[in-house]
Amino acid sequence: MRLPDHPFSHKPPPAAEPDGPACPLCGRPMVPGASLNEHHLIPRTYGGRETVTMHRICHAKIHAVLTEQQLRDHYHGIDALRGHPDIAAFIRWVRRKPPEFIDGHATDRRRHKR
């Protein structure tokens, strides 16, 4: 005899369908709208034209951690960005958040200057 499923059973939830393409930095689904930004792999001030779409929070974290010169010289690819220790720690943290998560604390350096 099979017992009925209890509402508090420890069965894992069903796997969710991705909402859209994955963010190249964190891998979470990207939800169309205001939570997305275009990131220039090489900053425009250094002639960069190639862009990738990513979550606004991921884009803000890149610019909060790295200068434009560092982006130009060492971190002009997604794999290189993921390899930076601060970015890697951020990715581990943000992967637990929903795709539309926006955190006001992930601002870039320019807002802190007065």
N, C-alpha and C. Protein backbone atom coordinates (compact mmCIF):
# COMPACT_ATOMS: atom_id res chain seq x y z
N MET A 1 0.84 -1.17 0.00
CA MET A 1 0.00 0.00 0.00
C MET A 1 0.89 1.24 0.00
N ARG A 2 0.61 2.16 -0.90
CA ARG A 2 1.40 3.39 -1.03
C ARG A 2 0.75 4.49 -0.21
N LEU A 3 1.57 5.17 0.58
CA LEU A 3 1.06 6.28 1.38
C LEU A 3 0.93 7.52 0.51
N PRO A 4 -0.07 8.36 0.75
CA PRO A 4 -0.19 9.60 -0.03
C PRO A 4 0.97 10.55 0.27
N ASP A 5 1.29 11.36 -0.72
CA ASP A 5 2.35 12.35 -0.52
C ASP A 5 1.93 13.34 0.55
N HIS A 6 2.82 13.57 1.46
CA HIS A 6 2.58 14.53 2.53
C HIS A 6 3.00 15.91 2.04
N PRO A 7 2.26 16.97 2.36
CA PRO A 7 2.64 18.30 1.86
C PRO A 7 4.00 18.77 2.35
N PHE A 8 4.51 18.19 3.42
CA PHE A 8 5.81 18.60 3.95
C PHE A 8 6.90 17.58 3.64
N SER A 9 6.66 16.75 2.63
CA SER A 9 7.66 15.74 2.27
C SER A 9 8.92 16.43 1.77
N HIS A 10 10.00 15.70 1.75
CA HIS A 10 11.29 16.27 1.37
C HIS A 10 11.64 16.00 -0.09
N LYS A 11 10.63 15.92 -0.93
CA LYS A 11 10.89 15.74 -2.36
C LYS A 11 11.44 17.04 -2.92
N PRO A 12 12.42 16.95 -3.82
CA PRO A 12 12.93 18.18 -4.42
C PRO A 12 11.87 18.80 -5.32
N PRO A 13 11.87 20.13 -5.43
CA PRO A 13 10.91 20.78 -6.32
C PRO A 13 11.22 20.42 -7.77
N PRO A 14 10.22 20.45 -8.63
CA PRO A 14 10.49 20.16 -10.04
C PRO A 14 11.43 21.20 -10.63
N ALA A 15 12.22 20.76 -11.57
CA ALA A 15 13.19 21.67 -12.20
C ALA A 15 12.43 22.75 -12.97
N ALA A 16 12.86 23.98 -12.79
CA ALA A 16 12.21 25.10 -13.47
C ALA A 16 12.76 25.23 -14.89
N GLU A 17 11.90 25.65 -15.78
CA GLU A 17 12.33 25.92 -17.15
C GLU A 17 13.04 27.26 -17.18
N PRO A 18 14.15 27.36 -17.89
CA PRO A 18 14.83 28.65 -17.96
C PRO A 18 13.95 29.70 -18.63
N ASP A 19 14.00 30.92 -18.12
CA ASP A 19 13.16 32.00 -18.65
C ASP A 19 13.72 32.61 -19.93
N GLY A 20 14.96 32.41 -20.20
CA GLY A 20 15.57 33.01 -21.37
C GLY A 20 17.01 32.56 -21.49
N PRO A 21 17.77 33.22 -22.36
CA PRO A 21 19.18 32.86 -22.48
C PRO A 21 19.92 33.11 -21.17
N ALA A 22 21.00 32.42 -20.97
CA ALA A 22 21.76 32.53 -19.72
C ALA A 22 22.69 33.74 -19.75
N CYS A 23 22.86 34.37 -18.61
CA CYS A 23 23.83 35.46 -18.45
C CYS A 23 25.22 34.86 -18.66
N PRO A 24 26.05 35.48 -19.48
CA PRO A 24 27.37 34.91 -19.72
C PRO A 24 28.27 34.92 -18.49
N LEU A 25 28.00 35.79 -17.51
CA LEU A 25 28.84 35.85 -16.33
C LEU A 25 28.37 34.87 -15.25
N CYS A 26 27.12 34.98 -14.82
CA CYS A 26 26.65 34.16 -13.69
C CYS A 26 25.94 32.88 -14.10
N GLY A 27 25.46 32.82 -15.34
CA GLY A 27 24.79 31.62 -15.82
C GLY A 27 23.30 31.53 -15.51
N ARG A 28 22.76 32.52 -14.77
CA ARG A 28 21.32 32.52 -14.48
C ARG A 28 20.55 32.95 -15.72
N PRO A 29 19.27 32.54 -15.85
CA PRO A 29 18.48 32.99 -16.99
C PRO A 29 18.33 34.51 -16.98
N MET A 30 18.27 35.10 -18.16
CA MET A 30 18.08 36.55 -18.27
C MET A 30 16.62 36.82 -18.61
N VAL A 31 15.99 37.66 -17.82
CA VAL A 31 14.61 38.06 -18.02
C VAL A 31 14.64 39.39 -18.77
N PRO A 32 13.98 39.49 -19.92
CA PRO A 32 14.02 40.75 -20.67
C PRO A 32 13.49 41.91 -19.84
N GLY A 33 14.11 43.06 -20.03
CA GLY A 33 13.64 44.26 -19.33
C GLY A 33 14.77 45.08 -18.77
N ALA A 34 14.43 45.86 -17.76
CA ALA A 34 15.37 46.83 -17.19
C ALA A 34 16.51 46.18 -16.43
N SER A 35 16.42 44.89 -16.13
CA SER A 35 17.48 44.26 -15.34
C SER A 35 18.66 43.80 -16.19
N LEU A 36 18.69 44.16 -17.48
CA LEU A 36 19.78 43.75 -18.37
C LEU A 36 20.58 44.96 -18.84
N ASN A 37 21.88 44.74 -19.06
CA ASN A 37 22.79 45.77 -19.58
C ASN A 37 23.67 45.16 -20.66
N GLU A 38 24.22 46.03 -21.49
CA GLU A 38 25.24 45.64 -22.46
C GLU A 38 26.60 45.96 -21.85
N HIS A 39 27.50 44.98 -21.86
CA HIS A 39 28.86 45.18 -21.35
C HIS A 39 29.83 45.14 -22.52
N HIS A 40 30.64 46.18 -22.67
CA HIS A 40 31.70 46.19 -23.68
C HIS A 40 32.87 45.38 -23.13
N LEU A 41 33.25 44.32 -23.83
CA LEU A 41 34.35 43.47 -23.36
C LEU A 41 35.63 44.26 -23.24
N ILE A 42 35.90 45.12 -24.20
CA ILE A 42 36.98 46.12 -24.09
C ILE A 42 36.26 47.46 -23.98
N PRO A 43 36.57 48.27 -22.96
CA PRO A 43 35.86 49.53 -22.77
C PRO A 43 35.85 50.41 -24.02
N ARG A 44 34.75 51.12 -24.22
CA ARG A 44 34.63 52.01 -25.39
C ARG A 44 35.72 53.06 -25.41
N THR A 45 36.18 53.50 -24.25
CA THR A 45 37.24 54.52 -24.21
C THR A 45 38.53 54.00 -24.82
N TYR A 46 38.66 52.68 -24.94
CA TYR A 46 39.84 52.07 -25.56
C TYR A 46 39.49 51.45 -26.91
N GLY A 47 38.40 51.87 -27.50
CA GLY A 47 38.03 51.42 -28.84
C GLY A 47 37.21 50.15 -28.90
N GLY A 48 36.76 49.64 -27.78
CA GLY A 48 35.98 48.41 -27.77
C GLY A 48 34.61 48.57 -28.39
N ARG A 49 34.21 47.58 -29.17
CA ARG A 49 32.90 47.60 -29.81
C ARG A 49 32.07 46.37 -29.50
N GLU A 50 32.73 45.24 -29.24
CA GLU A 50 32.00 44.00 -28.98
C GLU A 50 31.32 44.06 -27.62
N THR A 51 30.04 43.71 -27.59
CA THR A 51 29.28 43.73 -26.34
C THR A 51 28.65 42.37 -26.07
N VAL A 52 28.34 42.15 -24.81
CA VAL A 52 27.56 40.99 -24.38
C VAL A 52 26.46 41.51 -23.46
N THR A 53 25.29 40.90 -23.55
CA THR A 53 24.18 41.26 -22.67
C THR A 53 24.29 40.44 -21.40
N MET A 54 24.11 41.10 -20.27
CA MET A 54 24.17 40.42 -18.98
C MET A 54 23.27 41.13 -17.98
N HIS A 55 23.08 40.50 -16.82
CA HIS A 55 22.30 41.13 -15.75
C HIS A 55 22.95 42.45 -15.34
N ARG A 56 22.12 43.40 -15.01
CA ARG A 56 22.62 44.71 -14.56
C ARG A 56 23.50 44.55 -13.32
N ILE A 57 23.11 43.68 -12.38
CA ILE A 57 23.89 43.49 -11.16
C ILE A 57 25.27 42.90 -11.48
N CYS A 58 25.33 42.00 -12.47
CA CYS A 58 26.61 41.41 -12.87
C CYS A 58 27.50 42.47 -13.52
N HIS A 59 26.90 43.29 -14.38
CA HIS A 59 27.63 44.36 -15.04
C HIS A 59 28.16 45.37 -14.02
N ALA A 60 27.32 45.74 -13.06
CA ALA A 60 27.73 46.70 -12.03
C ALA A 60 28.89 46.14 -11.20
N LYS A 61 28.85 44.85 -10.91
CA LYS A 61 29.92 44.26 -10.11
C LYS A 61 31.25 44.31 -10.85
N ILE A 62 31.24 44.05 -12.14
CA ILE A 62 32.47 44.11 -12.93
C ILE A 62 33.10 45.49 -12.79
N HIS A 63 32.29 46.54 -12.97
CA HIS A 63 32.83 47.90 -12.92
C HIS A 63 33.11 48.38 -11.50
N ALA A 64 32.52 47.73 -10.51
CA ALA A 64 32.83 48.07 -9.12
C ALA A 64 34.19 47.50 -8.71
N VAL A 65 34.59 46.41 -9.34
CA VAL A 65 35.82 45.71 -8.96
C VAL A 65 37.01 46.11 -9.84
N LEU A 66 36.78 46.29 -11.13
CA LEU A 66 37.88 46.47 -12.08
C LEU A 66 37.86 47.85 -12.74
N THR A 67 39.04 48.38 -12.98
CA THR A 67 39.16 49.65 -13.72
C THR A 67 39.05 49.36 -15.21
N GLU A 68 38.83 50.40 -15.99
CA GLU A 68 38.76 50.22 -17.44
C GLU A 68 40.09 49.72 -18.00
N GLN A 69 41.19 50.18 -17.43
CA GLN A 69 42.50 49.71 -17.89
C GLN A 69 42.68 48.22 -17.58
N GLN A 70 42.25 47.77 -16.41
CA GLN A 70 42.32 46.34 -16.09
C GLN A 70 41.44 45.53 -17.04
N LEU A 71 40.27 46.05 -17.35
CA LEU A 71 39.39 45.36 -18.30
C LEU A 71 40.06 45.26 -19.66
N ARG A 72 40.69 46.32 -20.11
CA ARG A 72 41.37 46.32 -21.41
C ARG A 72 42.54 45.35 -21.43
N ASP A 73 43.36 45.38 -20.38
CA ASP A 73 44.61 44.62 -20.40
C ASP A 73 44.47 43.15 -20.01
N HIS A 74 43.58 42.84 -19.08
CA HIS A 74 43.57 41.48 -18.53
C HIS A 74 42.21 40.80 -18.52
N TYR A 75 41.13 41.55 -18.45
CA TYR A 75 39.82 40.95 -18.21
C TYR A 75 38.83 41.27 -19.33
N HIS A 76 39.27 41.13 -20.58
CA HIS A 76 38.40 41.45 -21.71
C HIS A 76 37.68 40.23 -22.28
N GLY A 77 37.58 39.19 -21.48
CA GLY A 77 36.82 37.99 -21.86
C GLY A 77 36.04 37.48 -20.67
N ILE A 78 34.99 36.75 -20.94
CA ILE A 78 34.14 36.24 -19.86
C ILE A 78 34.90 35.27 -18.97
N ASP A 79 35.70 34.38 -19.55
CA ASP A 79 36.47 33.43 -18.73
C ASP A 79 37.45 34.15 -17.82
N ALA A 80 38.09 35.19 -18.33
CA ALA A 80 39.03 35.96 -17.51
C ALA A 80 38.29 36.66 -16.37
N LEU A 81 37.11 37.21 -16.66
CA LEU A 81 36.32 37.86 -15.61
C LEU A 81 35.94 36.86 -14.53
N ARG A 82 35.49 35.68 -14.94
CA ARG A 82 35.11 34.64 -13.97
C ARG A 82 36.29 34.20 -13.12
N GLY A 83 37.50 34.34 -13.65
CA GLY A 83 38.70 33.93 -12.92
C GLY A 83 39.15 34.91 -11.86
N HIS A 84 38.65 36.14 -11.88
CA HIS A 84 39.02 37.12 -10.86
C HIS A 84 38.40 36.68 -9.53
N PRO A 85 39.17 36.66 -8.43
CA PRO A 85 38.65 36.15 -7.15
C PRO A 85 37.40 36.86 -6.64
N ASP A 86 37.35 38.18 -6.77
CA ASP A 86 36.17 38.92 -6.28
C ASP A 86 34.94 38.64 -7.14
N ILE A 87 35.13 38.53 -8.44
CA ILE A 87 34.02 38.23 -9.35
C ILE A 87 33.54 36.79 -9.11
N ALA A 88 34.48 35.86 -8.90
CA ALA A 88 34.12 34.47 -8.64
C ALA A 88 33.29 34.35 -7.36
N ALA A 89 33.67 35.08 -6.32
CA ALA A 89 32.90 35.07 -5.06
C ALA A 89 31.51 35.64 -5.28
N PHE A 90 31.42 36.71 -6.06
CA PHE A 90 30.13 37.32 -6.39
C PHE A 90 29.25 36.32 -7.13
N ILE A 91 29.82 35.61 -8.10
CA ILE A 91 29.05 34.63 -8.88
C ILE A 91 28.49 33.54 -7.97
N ARG A 92 29.31 33.05 -7.05
CA ARG A 92 28.82 32.02 -6.11
C ARG A 92 27.64 32.55 -5.29
N TRP A 93 27.69 33.83 -4.91
CA TRP A 93 26.63 34.44 -4.12
C TRP A 93 25.37 34.67 -4.96
N VAL A 94 25.53 35.26 -6.15
CA VAL A 94 24.37 35.68 -6.93
C VAL A 94 23.65 34.49 -7.58
N ARG A 95 24.30 33.38 -7.76
CA ARG A 95 23.65 32.21 -8.38
C ARG A 95 22.47 31.71 -7.57
N ARG A 96 22.44 32.02 -6.28
CA ARG A 96 21.32 31.59 -5.42
C ARG A 96 20.14 32.55 -5.51
N LYS A 97 20.29 33.65 -6.23
CA LYS A 97 19.24 34.66 -6.33
C LYS A 97 18.38 34.40 -7.57
N PRO A 98 17.12 34.88 -7.56
CA PRO A 98 16.29 34.73 -8.75
C PRO A 98 16.82 35.58 -9.90
N PRO A 99 16.48 35.22 -11.14
CA PRO A 99 17.03 35.94 -12.31
C PRO A 99 16.76 37.44 -12.31
N GLU A 100 15.63 37.86 -11.74
CA GLU A 100 15.28 39.29 -11.77
C GLU A 100 15.82 40.05 -10.56
N PHE A 101 16.64 39.41 -9.72
CA PHE A 101 17.18 40.03 -8.52
C PHE A 101 18.03 41.25 -8.86
N ILE A 102 17.75 42.37 -8.17
CA ILE A 102 18.53 43.60 -8.32
C ILE A 102 18.90 44.06 -6.92
N ASP A 103 20.19 44.23 -6.67
CA ASP A 103 20.67 44.64 -5.35
C ASP A 103 21.24 46.05 -5.46
N GLY A 104 20.75 46.96 -4.66
CA GLY A 104 21.23 48.34 -4.70
C GLY A 104 22.65 48.51 -4.21
N HIS A 105 23.23 47.49 -3.59
CA HIS A 105 24.59 47.61 -3.08
C HIS A 105 25.66 47.37 -4.14
N ALA A 106 25.31 46.81 -5.26
CA ALA A 106 26.29 46.50 -6.30
C ALA A 106 26.44 47.68 -7.25
N THR A 107 26.80 48.81 -6.73
CA THR A 107 26.98 50.00 -7.56
C THR A 107 28.43 50.12 -7.99
N ASP A 108 28.67 50.89 -9.02
CA ASP A 108 30.05 51.03 -9.48
C ASP A 108 30.77 52.14 -8.71
N ARG A 109 32.08 52.23 -8.91
CA ARG A 109 32.94 53.14 -8.15
C ARG A 109 32.56 54.61 -8.34
N ARG A 110 32.05 54.98 -9.49
CA ARG A 110 31.77 56.40 -9.77
C ARG A 110 30.73 56.98 -8.82
N ARG A 111 29.80 56.18 -8.35
CA ARG A 111 28.78 56.69 -7.44
C ARG A 111 29.35 57.00 -6.07
N HIS A 112 30.47 56.37 -5.72
CA HIS A 112 31.06 56.57 -4.40
C HIS A 112 31.98 57.80 -4.35
N LYS A 113 32.37 58.31 -5.50
CA LYS A 113 33.25 59.48 -5.54
C LYS A 113 32.43 60.74 -5.29
N ARG A 114 32.99 61.66 -4.55
CA ARG A 114 32.30 62.94 -4.31
C ARG A 114 33.24 64.08 -4.52
